[in-house]
């Protein structure tokens, strides 16, 4: 099965992607409204999740040899908070299209 190559499991990948997206939205909203809340720990968690998500998803893209790999890799590095969710939605179709 194709899900075995995703080293952290499909449910864990979904949780990572959604938590990362929520944190990104929270940081953007905080910066636009100018709350006086100290978010140093939130930013540290966000940056750590950036690193983990890039490693997990880049490894999955490499192992599965998906279609349009360069597009997804480029998107992953440029749009880190947004890319994992559409990638997980399209993952099975991209693997079948080899």
C-alpha atoms as a PDB file:
ATOM      1  CA  UNK A   1       0.000   0.000   0.000  1.00  0.00           C
ATOM      2  CA  UNK A   2       1.233   3.499  -0.807  1.00  0.00           C
ATOM      3  CA  UNK A   3       0.561   4.837   2.694  1.00  0.00           C
ATOM      4  CA  UNK A   4       3.396   2.735   4.108  1.00  0.00           C
ATOM      5  CA  UNK A   5       5.983   5.060   2.565  1.00  0.00           C
ATOM      6  CA  UNK A   6       4.746   8.034   4.543  1.00  0.00           C
ATOM      7  CA  UNK A   7       7.075   7.535   7.503  1.00  0.00           C
ATOM      8  CA  UNK A   8       4.865   9.196  10.135  1.00  0.00           C
ATOM      9  CA  UNK A   9       1.529   7.754   9.069  1.00  0.00           C
ATOM     10  CA  UNK A  10      -1.278   9.397   7.175  1.00  0.00           C
ATOM     11  CA  UNK A  11      -3.255  10.532  10.239  1.00  0.00           C
ATOM     12  CA  UNK A  12      -0.170  12.054  11.826  1.00  0.00           C
ATOM     13  CA  UNK A  13       0.657  13.862   8.582  1.00  0.00           C
ATOM     14  CA  UNK A  14      -2.858  15.319   8.524  1.00  0.00           C
ATOM     15  CA  UNK A  15      -2.512  16.457  12.140  1.00  0.00           C
ATOM     16  CA  UNK A  16       0.870  18.064  11.422  1.00  0.00           C
ATOM     17  CA  UNK A  17      -0.474  19.853   8.349  1.00  0.00           C
ATOM     18  CA  UNK A  18      -3.611  21.159  10.064  1.00  0.00           C
ATOM     19  CA  UNK A  19      -1.809  22.291  13.236  1.00  0.00           C
ATOM     20  CA  UNK A  20       0.776  24.055  11.102  1.00  0.00           C
ATOM     21  CA  UNK A  21      -1.938  25.804   9.074  1.00  0.00           C
ATOM     22  CA  UNK A  22      -3.784  26.877  12.237  1.00  0.00           C
ATOM     23  CA  UNK A  23      -0.578  28.240  13.772  1.00  0.00           C
ATOM     24  CA  UNK A  24       0.195  30.170  10.588  1.00  0.00           C
ATOM     25  CA  UNK A  25      -3.299  31.690  10.565  1.00  0.00           C
ATOM     26  CA  UNK A  26      -3.016  32.579  14.254  1.00  0.00           C
ATOM     27  CA  UNK A  27       0.348  34.310  13.735  1.00  0.00           C
ATOM     28  CA  UNK A  28      -0.956  36.230  10.711  1.00  0.00           C
ATOM     29  CA  UNK A  29      -4.078  37.355  12.575  1.00  0.00           C
ATOM     30  CA  UNK A  30      -2.006  38.344  15.588  1.00  0.00           C
ATOM     31  CA  UNK A  31       0.287  40.464  13.417  1.00  0.00           C
ATOM     32  CA  UNK A  32      -2.536  42.184  11.539  1.00  0.00           C
ATOM     33  CA  UNK A  33      -4.613  43.036  14.610  1.00  0.00           C
ATOM     34  CA  UNK A  34      -1.530  43.859  16.728  1.00  0.00           C
ATOM     35  CA  UNK A  35      -2.376  41.966  19.893  1.00  0.00           C
ATOM     36  CA  UNK A  36      -0.034  42.646  22.781  1.00  0.00           C
ATOM     37  CA  UNK A  37       0.533  38.944  23.365  1.00  0.00           C
ATOM     38  CA  UNK A  38       4.023  37.453  23.484  1.00  0.00           C
ATOM     39  CA  UNK A  39       4.093  34.634  20.920  1.00  0.00           C
ATOM     40  CA  UNK A  40       7.722  33.555  21.106  1.00  0.00           C
ATOM     41  CA  UNK A  41       6.838  29.962  21.984  1.00  0.00           C
ATOM     42  CA  UNK A  42       4.194  29.857  19.239  1.00  0.00           C
ATOM     43  CA  UNK A  43       6.724  31.061  16.671  1.00  0.00           C
ATOM     44  CA  UNK A  44       9.295  28.506  17.852  1.00  0.00           C
ATOM     45  CA  UNK A  45       6.719  25.702  17.490  1.00  0.00           C
ATOM     46  CA  UNK A  46       5.754  27.045  14.054  1.00  0.00           C
ATOM     47  CA  UNK A  47       9.353  27.092  12.819  1.00  0.00           C
ATOM     48  CA  UNK A  48       9.990  23.615  14.204  1.00  0.00           C
ATOM     49  CA  UNK A  49       6.884  22.345  12.425  1.00  0.00           C
ATOM     50  CA  UNK A  50       8.158  24.001   9.223  1.00  0.00           C
ATOM     51  CA  UNK A  51      11.320  21.924   9.432  1.00  0.00           C
ATOM     52  CA  UNK A  52       9.497  18.690  10.308  1.00  0.00           C
ATOM     53  CA  UNK A  53       6.884  19.122   7.576  1.00  0.00           C
ATOM     54  CA  UNK A  54       9.500  19.839   4.924  1.00  0.00           C
ATOM     55  CA  UNK A  55      11.454  16.732   5.924  1.00  0.00           C
ATOM     56  CA  UNK A  56       8.435  14.416   6.090  1.00  0.00           C
ATOM     57  CA  UNK A  57       6.749  15.550   2.902  1.00  0.00           C
ATOM     58  CA  UNK A  58       9.935  15.876   0.842  1.00  0.00           C
ATOM     59  CA  UNK A  59      10.876  12.340   1.905  1.00  0.00           C
ATOM     60  CA  UNK A  60       7.431  11.075   0.929  1.00  0.00           C
ATOM     61  CA  UNK A  61       7.643  12.788  -2.462  1.00  0.00           C
ATOM     62  CA  UNK A  62      11.063  11.270  -3.049  1.00  0.00           C
ATOM     63  CA  UNK A  63      10.117   7.724  -2.025  1.00  0.00           C
ATOM     64  CA  UNK A  64       6.877   7.591  -4.013  1.00  0.00           C
ATOM     65  CA  UNK A  65       8.208   9.206  -7.192  1.00  0.00           C
ATOM     66  CA  UNK A  66       5.005  11.187  -7.655  1.00  0.00           C
ATOM     67  CA  UNK A  67       3.975  13.030 -10.782  1.00  0.00           C
ATOM     68  CA  UNK A  68       4.988  16.717 -10.931  1.00  0.00           C
ATOM     69  CA  UNK A  69       7.438  16.211  -8.083  1.00  0.00           C
ATOM     70  CA  UNK A  70       9.321  19.452  -8.768  1.00  0.00           C
ATOM     71  CA  UNK A  71       6.136  21.494  -8.618  1.00  0.00           C
ATOM     72  CA  UNK A  72       5.203  19.983  -5.259  1.00  0.00           C
ATOM     73  CA  UNK A  73       8.739  20.367  -3.873  1.00  0.00           C
ATOM     74  CA  UNK A  74       8.905  23.991  -4.959  1.00  0.00           C
ATOM     75  CA  UNK A  75       5.462  24.633  -3.480  1.00  0.00           C
ATOM     76  CA  UNK A  76       6.504  22.938  -0.266  1.00  0.00           C
ATOM     77  CA  UNK A  77       9.483  25.239   0.203  1.00  0.00           C
ATOM     78  CA  UNK A  78       7.726  28.445  -0.879  1.00  0.00           C
ATOM     79  CA  UNK A  79       4.252  27.927   0.605  1.00  0.00           C
ATOM     80  CA  UNK A  80       4.934  25.697   3.587  1.00  0.00           C
ATOM     81  CA  UNK A  81       1.700  26.356   5.529  1.00  0.00           C
ATOM     82  CA  UNK A  82      -0.582  25.810   2.526  1.00  0.00           C
ATOM     83  CA  UNK A  83       1.007  23.024   0.465  1.00  0.00           C
ATOM     84  CA  UNK A  84       0.697  19.969   2.790  1.00  0.00           C
ATOM     85  CA  UNK A  85      -3.116  20.000   2.840  1.00  0.00           C
ATOM     86  CA  UNK A  86      -3.629  19.931  -0.980  1.00  0.00           C
ATOM     87  CA  UNK A  87      -0.763  17.455  -1.286  1.00  0.00           C
ATOM     88  CA  UNK A  88      -2.416  15.076   1.172  1.00  0.00           C
ATOM     89  CA  UNK A  89      -5.724  15.429  -0.664  1.00  0.00           C
ATOM     90  CA  UNK A  90      -4.097  14.644  -4.044  1.00  0.00           C
ATOM     91  CA  UNK A  91      -1.489  12.152  -2.791  1.00  0.00           C
ATOM     92  CA  UNK A  92      -3.127   8.902  -3.894  1.00  0.00           C
ATOM     93  CA  UNK A  93      -3.937  10.251  -7.343  1.00  0.00           C
ATOM     94  CA  UNK A  94      -0.379  11.537  -7.793  1.00  0.00           C
ATOM     95  CA  UNK A  95       1.092   8.171  -6.846  1.00  0.00           C
ATOM     96  CA  UNK A  96      -1.230   6.314  -9.261  1.00  0.00           C
ATOM     97  CA  UNK A  97      -0.265   8.618 -12.137  1.00  0.00           C
ATOM     98  CA  UNK A  98       3.382   7.480 -12.227  1.00  0.00           C
END
